Amino acid sequence: MKGVCQSCGAVAPLEWFLADGKYKQCLSVMATIPREVAPVTVRYLGLFRPASGRAMSPDKTVRILGEIAALVGSGYVQVDKLVARPCPPRIWAEAMEQMRENPKLRLPMKSHNYLKSVAYDLADAADAVAERKVREAEQSGVRPVSRPEEENGEPADGLLPMERQMQQRGIHLPNVLKKV
């Protein structure tokens, strides 16, 4: 079976791409990235390629993929000290795609700050639309069938994404607000 490098177009046996342990790590990290984001992630990685045109080192690739997996897996985006916004994978994918289409980017990228900024703008707009729908429903006297979080595919359990992940991993924090 042959593999094709999405960045440079090189065609080689699949085993060649897996010969280095770091590239195996790349594949395992890519497997944790949601399906909607994975194809765009490969193209987004190209924004970090050295200006010399050489391939990225496997260490750098693993690091960047890990950072992307953490960003997308958090379920929200926050820029500077602004309010965190829910950010499902589809918004991260759209933000990466918008970055790829921006001809004014200074390459190679050094961090994900611009990605977070683009994702925040998209998430903020989506949050505003969801909030507008809730307000319109409240004003019309109709109770909304679902909360905006449920419409986006996110659970409406009232937990922050970090709290939800801790709960899934079996970590329970004591309730410090309990009345004595």
N, C-alpha and C. Protein backbone atom coordinates (compact mmCIF):
# COMPACT_ATOMS: atom_id res chain seq x y z
N MET A 1 0.84 -1.17 0.00
CA MET A 1 0.00 0.00 0.00
C MET A 1 0.90 1.24 0.00
N LYS A 2 0.51 2.24 -0.75
CA LYS A 2 1.30 3.46 -0.86
C LYS A 2 0.63 4.59 -0.10
N GLY A 3 1.45 5.47 0.41
CA GLY A 3 0.97 6.66 1.10
C GLY A 3 1.41 7.90 0.32
N VAL A 4 0.63 8.96 0.45
CA VAL A 4 0.95 10.21 -0.22
C VAL A 4 1.05 11.29 0.84
N CYS A 5 2.17 12.02 0.86
CA CYS A 5 2.34 13.13 1.79
C CYS A 5 1.42 14.27 1.35
N GLN A 6 0.56 14.72 2.25
CA GLN A 6 -0.39 15.79 1.93
C GLN A 6 0.30 17.14 1.77
N SER A 7 1.49 17.27 2.33
CA SER A 7 2.20 18.55 2.26
C SER A 7 3.02 18.69 0.98
N CYS A 8 3.80 17.64 0.65
CA CYS A 8 4.72 17.77 -0.48
C CYS A 8 4.35 16.89 -1.67
N GLY A 9 3.41 15.96 -1.50
CA GLY A 9 2.99 15.11 -2.60
C GLY A 9 3.86 13.88 -2.83
N ALA A 10 4.84 13.65 -1.96
CA ALA A 10 5.71 12.48 -2.12
C ALA A 10 4.88 11.20 -1.98
N VAL A 11 5.18 10.23 -2.84
CA VAL A 11 4.50 8.94 -2.81
C VAL A 11 5.52 7.90 -2.38
N ALA A 12 5.18 7.12 -1.37
CA ALA A 12 6.09 6.11 -0.85
C ALA A 12 5.28 5.00 -0.19
N PRO A 13 5.90 3.84 0.02
CA PRO A 13 5.19 2.79 0.76
C PRO A 13 4.78 3.29 2.13
N LEU A 14 3.61 2.88 2.58
CA LEU A 14 3.06 3.35 3.85
C LEU A 14 4.02 3.07 5.00
N GLU A 15 4.76 1.98 4.93
CA GLU A 15 5.70 1.62 5.98
C GLU A 15 6.77 2.70 6.17
N TRP A 16 7.15 3.40 5.11
CA TRP A 16 8.15 4.44 5.21
C TRP A 16 7.67 5.58 6.09
N PHE A 17 6.39 5.88 6.01
CA PHE A 17 5.84 6.95 6.82
C PHE A 17 5.76 6.56 8.30
N LEU A 18 5.79 5.26 8.56
CA LEU A 18 5.68 4.78 9.93
C LEU A 18 7.00 4.28 10.50
N ALA A 19 8.10 4.41 9.76
CA ALA A 19 9.39 3.88 10.20
C ALA A 19 9.89 4.59 11.46
N ASP A 20 9.65 5.88 11.58
CA ASP A 20 10.09 6.65 12.74
C ASP A 20 9.00 6.60 13.81
N GLY A 21 9.41 6.39 15.06
CA GLY A 21 8.46 6.32 16.17
C GLY A 21 7.67 7.60 16.35
N LYS A 22 8.28 8.73 16.00
CA LYS A 22 7.57 10.01 16.14
C LYS A 22 6.41 10.10 15.15
N TYR A 23 6.59 9.53 13.97
CA TYR A 23 5.49 9.56 13.00
C TYR A 23 4.36 8.64 13.45
N LYS A 24 4.70 7.58 14.15
CA LYS A 24 3.65 6.74 14.74
C LYS A 24 2.88 7.54 15.79
N GLN A 25 3.62 8.35 16.54
CA GLN A 25 2.97 9.23 17.52
C GLN A 25 2.05 10.22 16.82
N CYS A 26 2.49 10.74 15.68
CA CYS A 26 1.66 11.67 14.91
C CYS A 26 0.32 11.02 14.56
N LEU A 27 0.39 9.78 14.10
CA LEU A 27 -0.85 9.08 13.72
C LEU A 27 -1.74 8.83 14.93
N SER A 28 -1.14 8.50 16.07
CA SER A 28 -1.96 8.26 17.26
C SER A 28 -2.61 9.55 17.75
N VAL A 29 -1.90 10.67 17.65
CA VAL A 29 -2.49 11.96 18.04
C VAL A 29 -3.58 12.35 17.04
N MET A 30 -3.33 12.14 15.76
CA MET A 30 -4.34 12.45 14.73
C MET A 30 -5.62 11.65 14.96
N ALA A 31 -5.47 10.44 15.50
CA ALA A 31 -6.65 9.61 15.76
C ALA A 31 -7.53 10.21 16.86
N THR A 32 -6.96 11.07 17.70
CA THR A 32 -7.75 11.69 18.77
C THR A 32 -8.46 12.96 18.31
N ILE A 33 -8.07 13.47 17.17
CA ILE A 33 -8.68 14.70 16.65
C ILE A 33 -10.01 14.36 15.99
N PRO A 34 -11.07 15.10 16.30
CA PRO A 34 -12.39 14.79 15.74
C PRO A 34 -12.38 14.72 14.21
N ARG A 35 -13.24 13.90 13.70
CA ARG A 35 -13.35 13.61 12.26
C ARG A 35 -13.53 14.87 11.41
N GLU A 36 -14.29 15.85 11.89
CA GLU A 36 -14.53 17.06 11.10
C GLU A 36 -13.25 17.89 10.94
N VAL A 37 -12.34 17.78 11.89
CA VAL A 37 -11.16 18.64 11.93
C VAL A 37 -9.94 17.97 11.29
N ALA A 38 -9.88 16.65 11.30
CA ALA A 38 -8.67 15.93 10.86
C ALA A 38 -8.20 16.30 9.45
N PRO A 39 -9.07 16.31 8.43
CA PRO A 39 -8.57 16.63 7.09
C PRO A 39 -8.00 18.05 6.98
N VAL A 40 -8.60 18.99 7.68
CA VAL A 40 -8.14 20.37 7.61
C VAL A 40 -6.85 20.53 8.42
N THR A 41 -6.69 19.70 9.44
CA THR A 41 -5.50 19.76 10.29
C THR A 41 -4.24 19.50 9.48
N VAL A 42 -4.31 18.55 8.57
CA VAL A 42 -3.14 18.22 7.75
C VAL A 42 -2.74 19.44 6.92
N ARG A 43 -3.72 20.13 6.36
CA ARG A 43 -3.41 21.34 5.58
C ARG A 43 -2.94 22.48 6.49
N TYR A 44 -3.52 22.57 7.67
CA TYR A 44 -3.13 23.61 8.64
C TYR A 44 -1.67 23.42 9.06
N LEU A 45 -1.24 22.17 9.18
CA LEU A 45 0.15 21.89 9.54
C LEU A 45 1.12 22.54 8.56
N GLY A 46 0.72 22.64 7.30
CA GLY A 46 1.57 23.24 6.28
C GLY A 46 1.92 24.69 6.58
N LEU A 47 1.09 25.37 7.40
CA LEU A 47 1.38 26.75 7.77
C LEU A 47 2.58 26.86 8.70
N PHE A 48 3.00 25.74 9.28
CA PHE A 48 4.13 25.73 10.21
C PHE A 48 5.41 25.22 9.55
N ARG A 49 5.32 24.82 8.27
CA ARG A 49 6.48 24.30 7.56
C ARG A 49 7.54 25.39 7.47
N PRO A 50 8.82 25.02 7.65
CA PRO A 50 9.90 26.03 7.58
C PRO A 50 9.90 26.77 6.25
N ALA A 51 10.33 28.02 6.29
CA ALA A 51 10.36 28.86 5.09
C ALA A 51 11.29 28.29 4.04
N SER A 52 12.26 27.48 4.44
CA SER A 52 13.20 26.89 3.49
C SER A 52 12.53 25.86 2.59
N GLY A 53 11.31 25.45 2.96
CA GLY A 53 10.60 24.46 2.16
C GLY A 53 10.85 23.03 2.60
N ARG A 54 11.76 22.86 3.55
CA ARG A 54 12.05 21.52 4.06
C ARG A 54 10.85 21.02 4.85
N ALA A 55 10.82 19.72 5.05
CA ALA A 55 9.74 19.11 5.83
C ALA A 55 9.91 19.48 7.30
N MET A 56 8.82 19.49 8.02
CA MET A 56 8.88 19.74 9.46
C MET A 56 9.49 18.53 10.14
N SER A 57 10.18 18.76 11.23
CA SER A 57 10.73 17.65 11.99
C SER A 57 9.59 16.88 12.65
N PRO A 58 9.78 15.59 12.86
CA PRO A 58 8.72 14.82 13.50
C PRO A 58 8.39 15.33 14.91
N ASP A 59 9.41 15.81 15.63
CA ASP A 59 9.16 16.33 16.98
C ASP A 59 8.22 17.53 16.94
N LYS A 60 8.48 18.44 16.01
CA LYS A 60 7.64 19.63 15.87
C LYS A 60 6.23 19.23 15.44
N THR A 61 6.13 18.27 14.54
CA THR A 61 4.81 17.82 14.07
C THR A 61 3.99 17.23 15.21
N VAL A 62 4.62 16.39 16.03
CA VAL A 62 3.92 15.79 17.18
C VAL A 62 3.48 16.88 18.15
N ARG A 63 4.36 17.84 18.41
CA ARG A 63 4.03 18.93 19.33
C ARG A 63 2.84 19.72 18.83
N ILE A 64 2.86 20.11 17.56
CA ILE A 64 1.78 20.91 16.99
C ILE A 64 0.47 20.13 16.99
N LEU A 65 0.53 18.86 16.60
CA LEU A 65 -0.69 18.04 16.59
C LEU A 65 -1.26 17.91 18.00
N GLY A 66 -0.39 17.75 19.00
CA GLY A 66 -0.85 17.67 20.38
C GLY A 66 -1.53 18.95 20.82
N GLU A 67 -0.98 20.08 20.41
CA GLU A 67 -1.58 21.37 20.75
C GLU A 67 -2.95 21.52 20.08
N ILE A 68 -3.04 21.09 18.83
CA ILE A 68 -4.33 21.17 18.12
C ILE A 68 -5.35 20.27 18.79
N ALA A 69 -4.94 19.05 19.13
CA ALA A 69 -5.86 18.11 19.80
C ALA A 69 -6.37 18.70 21.11
N ALA A 70 -5.49 19.36 21.86
CA ALA A 70 -5.91 19.98 23.13
C ALA A 70 -6.87 21.14 22.89
N LEU A 71 -6.59 21.96 21.89
CA LEU A 71 -7.48 23.09 21.59
C LEU A 71 -8.87 22.61 21.20
N VAL A 72 -8.91 21.69 20.25
CA VAL A 72 -10.19 21.21 19.74
C VAL A 72 -10.93 20.39 20.80
N GLY A 73 -10.19 19.61 21.57
CA GLY A 73 -10.80 18.75 22.58
C GLY A 73 -11.39 19.49 23.76
N SER A 74 -10.97 20.74 23.97
CA SER A 74 -11.46 21.49 25.12
C SER A 74 -12.95 21.82 24.99
N GLY A 75 -13.43 21.99 23.76
CA GLY A 75 -14.84 22.30 23.57
C GLY A 75 -15.17 23.78 23.68
N TYR A 76 -14.19 24.59 23.95
CA TYR A 76 -14.41 26.03 24.03
C TYR A 76 -13.18 26.75 23.53
N VAL A 77 -13.29 28.05 23.34
CA VAL A 77 -12.16 28.87 22.93
C VAL A 77 -12.20 30.16 23.74
N GLN A 78 -11.01 30.60 24.16
CA GLN A 78 -10.92 31.86 24.90
C GLN A 78 -9.71 32.61 24.39
N VAL A 79 -9.88 33.89 24.14
CA VAL A 79 -8.81 34.74 23.66
C VAL A 79 -8.59 35.83 24.70
N ASP A 80 -7.35 36.00 25.09
CA ASP A 80 -6.99 36.98 26.11
C ASP A 80 -7.88 36.79 27.34
N LYS A 81 -8.53 37.85 27.78
CA LYS A 81 -9.37 37.74 28.97
C LYS A 81 -10.85 37.86 28.61
N LEU A 82 -11.17 37.59 27.35
CA LEU A 82 -12.57 37.64 26.93
C LEU A 82 -13.29 36.40 27.45
N VAL A 83 -14.61 36.46 27.45
CA VAL A 83 -15.43 35.35 27.91
C VAL A 83 -15.21 34.15 27.00
N ALA A 84 -15.05 32.98 27.60
CA ALA A 84 -14.88 31.75 26.81
C ALA A 84 -16.18 31.45 26.06
N ARG A 85 -16.05 30.96 24.85
CA ARG A 85 -17.20 30.63 24.02
C ARG A 85 -17.18 29.14 23.69
N PRO A 86 -18.36 28.51 23.62
CA PRO A 86 -18.41 27.12 23.17
C PRO A 86 -17.87 27.05 21.75
N CYS A 87 -17.05 26.06 21.48
CA CYS A 87 -16.42 25.97 20.16
C CYS A 87 -16.36 24.50 19.73
N PRO A 88 -17.40 24.03 19.05
CA PRO A 88 -17.39 22.64 18.59
C PRO A 88 -16.38 22.44 17.46
N PRO A 89 -16.04 21.19 17.17
CA PRO A 89 -15.04 20.90 16.14
C PRO A 89 -15.29 21.56 14.79
N ARG A 90 -16.54 21.68 14.39
CA ARG A 90 -16.83 22.27 13.08
C ARG A 90 -16.34 23.72 12.99
N ILE A 91 -16.38 24.45 14.11
CA ILE A 91 -15.90 25.83 14.11
C ILE A 91 -14.38 25.85 14.02
N TRP A 92 -13.70 24.92 14.73
CA TRP A 92 -12.24 24.85 14.61
C TRP A 92 -11.84 24.55 13.17
N ALA A 93 -12.57 23.63 12.53
CA ALA A 93 -12.26 23.28 11.14
C ALA A 93 -12.45 24.49 10.22
N GLU A 94 -13.53 25.22 10.43
CA GLU A 94 -13.80 26.41 9.62
C GLU A 94 -12.72 27.47 9.83
N ALA A 95 -12.27 27.62 11.07
CA ALA A 95 -11.22 28.61 11.37
C ALA A 95 -9.91 28.22 10.68
N MET A 96 -9.57 26.94 10.71
CA MET A 96 -8.34 26.48 10.03
C MET A 96 -8.43 26.71 8.53
N GLU A 97 -9.60 26.46 7.99
CA GLU A 97 -9.80 26.65 6.55
C GLU A 97 -9.68 28.13 6.18
N GLN A 98 -10.24 29.00 7.00
CA GLN A 98 -10.13 30.44 6.74
C GLN A 98 -8.66 30.89 6.79
N MET A 99 -7.91 30.32 7.70
CA MET A 99 -6.49 30.68 7.78
C MET A 99 -5.74 30.25 6.53
N ARG A 100 -6.05 29.07 6.03
CA ARG A 100 -5.38 28.57 4.83
C ARG A 100 -5.67 29.48 3.63
N GLU A 101 -6.83 30.10 3.61
CA GLU A 101 -7.22 30.95 2.49
C GLU A 101 -6.73 32.39 2.63
N ASN A 102 -6.11 32.73 3.75
CA ASN A 102 -5.66 34.09 3.99
C ASN A 102 -4.26 34.30 3.39
N PRO A 103 -4.14 35.08 2.33
CA PRO A 103 -2.84 35.27 1.69
C PRO A 103 -1.91 36.20 2.47
N LYS A 104 -2.42 36.89 3.48
CA LYS A 104 -1.62 37.86 4.21
C LYS A 104 -0.88 37.26 5.41
N LEU A 105 -1.01 35.96 5.64
CA LEU A 105 -0.35 35.34 6.78
C LEU A 105 1.16 35.38 6.64
N ARG A 106 1.83 35.64 7.74
CA ARG A 106 3.30 35.57 7.75
C ARG A 106 3.69 34.15 8.12
N LEU A 107 4.28 33.47 7.16
CA LEU A 107 4.64 32.06 7.36
C LEU A 107 6.14 31.94 7.59
N PRO A 108 6.57 30.95 8.31
CA PRO A 108 5.78 29.93 8.99
C PRO A 108 5.15 30.48 10.28
N MET A 109 4.02 29.90 10.64
CA MET A 109 3.34 30.29 11.86
C MET A 109 4.19 29.88 13.05
N LYS A 110 4.11 30.63 14.12
CA LYS A 110 4.88 30.33 15.33
C LYS A 110 4.00 29.76 16.45
N SER A 111 2.71 30.10 16.40
CA SER A 111 1.80 29.66 17.47
C SER A 111 0.38 29.52 16.89
N HIS A 112 -0.54 29.17 17.76
CA HIS A 112 -1.95 29.01 17.36
C HIS A 112 -2.79 30.22 17.76
N ASN A 113 -2.15 31.32 18.12
CA ASN A 113 -2.90 32.49 18.58
C ASN A 113 -3.85 33.03 17.52
N TYR A 114 -3.41 33.09 16.27
CA TYR A 114 -4.29 33.59 15.22
C TYR A 114 -5.45 32.62 15.00
N LEU A 115 -5.17 31.33 15.06
CA LEU A 115 -6.24 30.33 14.94
C LEU A 115 -7.27 30.53 16.04
N LYS A 116 -6.81 30.73 17.27
CA LYS A 116 -7.74 30.95 18.38
C LYS A 116 -8.56 32.21 18.16
N SER A 117 -7.94 33.23 17.61
CA SER A 117 -8.64 34.49 17.35
C SER A 117 -9.74 34.29 16.30
N VAL A 118 -9.41 33.59 15.23
CA VAL A 118 -10.40 33.33 14.17
C VAL A 118 -11.52 32.45 14.72
N ALA A 119 -11.16 31.40 15.46
CA ALA A 119 -12.16 30.49 16.03
C ALA A 119 -13.05 31.25 17.02
N TYR A 120 -12.45 32.15 17.80
CA TYR A 120 -13.23 32.92 18.76
C TYR A 120 -14.27 33.78 18.05
N ASP A 121 -13.86 34.43 16.98
CA ASP A 121 -14.81 35.27 16.22
C ASP A 121 -15.96 34.43 15.68
N LEU A 122 -15.65 33.25 15.14
CA LEU A 122 -16.70 32.37 14.62
C LEU A 122 -17.60 31.85 15.74
N ALA A 123 -16.98 31.46 16.86
CA ALA A 123 -17.76 30.94 17.99
C ALA A 123 -18.63 32.03 18.61
N ASP A 124 -18.09 33.24 18.67
CA ASP A 124 -18.84 34.36 19.21
C ASP A 124 -20.07 34.64 18.35
N ALA A 125 -19.89 34.59 17.03
CA ALA A 125 -21.01 34.81 16.12
C ALA A 125 -22.05 33.71 16.27
N ALA A 126 -21.61 32.47 16.38
CA ALA A 126 -22.54 31.34 16.54
C ALA A 126 -23.27 31.45 17.87
N ASP A 127 -22.56 31.87 18.92
CA ASP A 127 -23.17 32.03 20.23
C ASP A 127 -24.21 33.15 20.21
N ALA A 128 -23.92 34.21 19.47
CA ALA A 128 -24.86 35.33 19.36
C ALA A 128 -26.15 34.89 18.65
N VAL A 129 -26.00 34.09 17.61
CA VAL A 129 -27.18 33.58 16.89
C VAL A 129 -28.02 32.70 17.82
N ALA A 130 -27.36 31.82 18.57
CA ALA A 130 -28.08 30.94 19.49
C ALA A 130 -28.79 31.75 20.58
N GLU A 131 -28.11 32.77 21.09
CA GLU A 131 -28.71 33.62 22.12
C GLU A 131 -29.90 34.39 21.56
N ARG A 132 -29.79 34.86 20.32
CA ARG A 132 -30.89 35.58 19.69
C ARG A 132 -32.11 34.67 19.56
N LYS A 133 -31.90 33.41 19.19
CA LYS A 133 -33.01 32.47 19.07
C LYS A 133 -33.70 32.26 20.41
N VAL A 134 -32.91 32.15 21.47
CA VAL A 134 -33.48 31.95 22.81
C VAL A 134 -34.29 33.18 23.21
N ARG A 135 -33.75 34.37 22.98
CA ARG A 135 -34.47 35.60 23.34
C ARG A 135 -35.76 35.75 22.55
N GLU A 136 -35.72 35.43 21.25
CA GLU A 136 -36.93 35.51 20.42
C GLU A 136 -37.98 34.54 20.92
N ALA A 137 -37.54 33.35 21.31
CA ALA A 137 -38.49 32.36 21.83
C ALA A 137 -39.09 32.83 23.15
N GLU A 138 -38.26 33.43 24.01
CA GLU A 138 -38.76 33.94 25.29
C GLU A 138 -39.76 35.08 25.07
N GLN A 139 -39.47 35.98 24.14
CA GLN A 139 -40.35 37.11 23.88
C GLN A 139 -41.67 36.67 23.27
N SER A 140 -41.64 35.63 22.48
CA SER A 140 -42.88 35.15 21.86
C SER A 140 -43.69 34.29 22.81
N GLY A 141 -43.12 33.99 23.99
CA GLY A 141 -43.84 33.19 24.97
C GLY A 141 -43.72 31.70 24.73
N VAL A 142 -42.99 31.31 23.73
CA VAL A 142 -42.79 29.89 23.45
C VAL A 142 -41.52 29.45 24.16
N ARG A 143 -41.65 28.37 24.87
CA ARG A 143 -40.48 27.84 25.56
C ARG A 143 -39.65 27.05 24.55
N PRO A 144 -38.35 27.34 24.47
CA PRO A 144 -37.51 26.62 23.50
C PRO A 144 -37.50 25.12 23.78
N VAL A 145 -37.52 24.34 22.72
CA VAL A 145 -37.51 22.88 22.84
C VAL A 145 -36.17 22.41 23.39
N SER A 146 -35.10 23.03 22.95
CA SER A 146 -33.78 22.64 23.43
C SER A 146 -32.95 23.89 23.67
N ARG A 147 -31.94 23.71 24.48
CA ARG A 147 -31.02 24.82 24.72
C ARG A 147 -30.06 24.90 23.55
N PRO A 148 -29.44 26.06 23.33
CA PRO A 148 -28.51 26.21 22.20
C PRO A 148 -27.38 25.18 22.24
N GLU A 149 -26.94 24.79 23.44
CA GLU A 149 -25.86 23.81 23.52
C GLU A 149 -26.28 22.47 22.92
N GLU A 150 -27.57 22.11 23.12
CA GLU A 150 -28.06 20.85 22.58
C GLU A 150 -28.13 20.91 21.06
N GLU A 151 -28.46 22.09 20.52
CA GLU A 151 -28.53 22.23 19.08
C GLU A 151 -27.16 22.07 18.43
N ASN A 152 -26.11 22.50 19.12
CA ASN A 152 -24.76 22.39 18.59
C ASN A 152 -24.16 21.01 18.81
N GLY A 153 -24.91 20.11 19.40
CA GLY A 153 -24.39 18.77 19.65
C GLY A 153 -23.66 18.67 20.98
N GLU A 154 -23.67 19.72 21.76
CA GLU A 154 -23.01 19.72 23.06
C GLU A 154 -24.06 19.39 24.12
N PRO A 155 -23.68 18.62 25.14
CA PRO A 155 -24.63 18.31 26.20
C PRO A 155 -25.00 19.57 26.99
N ALA A 156 -26.23 19.63 27.45
CA ALA A 156 -26.70 20.78 28.20
C ALA A 156 -26.79 20.41 29.67
N ASP A 157 -25.69 19.93 30.24
CA ASP A 157 -25.68 19.49 31.62
C ASP A 157 -25.23 20.57 32.59
N GLY A 158 -24.92 21.77 32.07
CA GLY A 158 -24.51 22.86 32.92
C GLY A 158 -23.05 22.80 33.35
N LEU A 159 -22.30 21.83 32.83
CA LEU A 159 -20.89 21.70 33.20
C LEU A 159 -20.01 22.38 32.17
N LEU A 160 -18.87 22.88 32.63
CA LEU A 160 -17.86 23.38 31.72
C LEU A 160 -17.21 22.17 31.05
N PRO A 161 -16.65 22.34 29.84
CA PRO A 161 -16.01 21.21 29.17
C PRO A 161 -14.94 20.54 30.03
N MET A 162 -14.18 21.34 30.79
CA MET A 162 -13.15 20.78 31.65
C MET A 162 -13.78 19.93 32.75
N GLU A 163 -14.89 20.39 33.33
CA GLU A 163 -15.57 19.62 34.37
C GLU A 163 -16.13 18.33 33.80
N ARG A 164 -16.66 18.40 32.58
CA ARG A 164 -17.21 17.21 31.92
C ARG A 164 -16.10 16.18 31.68
N GLN A 165 -14.93 16.64 31.24
CA GLN A 165 -13.81 15.72 31.00
C GLN A 165 -13.34 15.10 32.30
N MET A 166 -13.30 15.90 33.37
CA MET A 166 -12.88 15.36 34.67
C MET A 166 -13.88 14.30 35.13
N GLN A 167 -15.16 14.57 34.93
CA GLN A 167 -16.19 13.62 35.31
C GLN A 167 -16.06 12.32 34.52
N GLN A 168 -15.78 12.43 33.21
CA GLN A 168 -15.61 11.25 32.38
C GLN A 168 -14.41 10.42 32.81
N ARG A 169 -13.39 11.08 33.34
CA ARG A 169 -12.18 10.37 33.78
C ARG A 169 -12.29 9.87 35.21
N GLY A 170 -13.43 10.12 35.84
CA GLY A 170 -13.64 9.63 37.19
C GLY A 170 -13.08 10.53 38.27
N ILE A 171 -12.75 11.77 37.93
CA ILE A 171 -12.22 12.71 38.91
C ILE A 171 -13.40 13.54 39.42
N HIS A 172 -13.64 13.49 40.72
CA HIS A 172 -14.75 14.25 41.30
C HIS A 172 -14.20 15.21 42.32
N LEU A 173 -14.50 16.48 42.15
CA LEU A 173 -14.08 17.50 43.10
C LEU A 173 -15.12 17.61 44.20
N PRO A 174 -14.65 17.83 45.44
CA PRO A 174 -15.63 17.99 46.53
C PRO A 174 -16.45 19.26 46.32
N ASN A 175 -17.66 19.22 46.75
CA ASN A 175 -18.53 20.38 46.61
C ASN A 175 -18.18 21.37 47.73
N VAL A 176 -17.39 22.36 47.40
CA VAL A 176 -16.94 23.32 48.42
C VAL A 176 -18.01 24.36 48.75
N LEU A 177 -19.07 24.41 47.99
CA LEU A 177 -20.11 25.38 48.24
C LEU A 177 -21.26 24.80 49.07
N LYS A 178 -21.08 23.63 49.61
CA LYS A 178 -22.13 22.98 50.39
C LYS A 178 -22.43 23.79 51.64
N LYS A 179 -23.69 23.94 51.96
CA LYS A 179 -24.05 24.64 53.17
C LYS A 179 -23.84 23.71 54.36
N VAL A 180 -23.34 24.25 55.41
CA VAL A 180 -23.05 23.45 56.60
C VAL A 180 -24.27 23.36 57.49
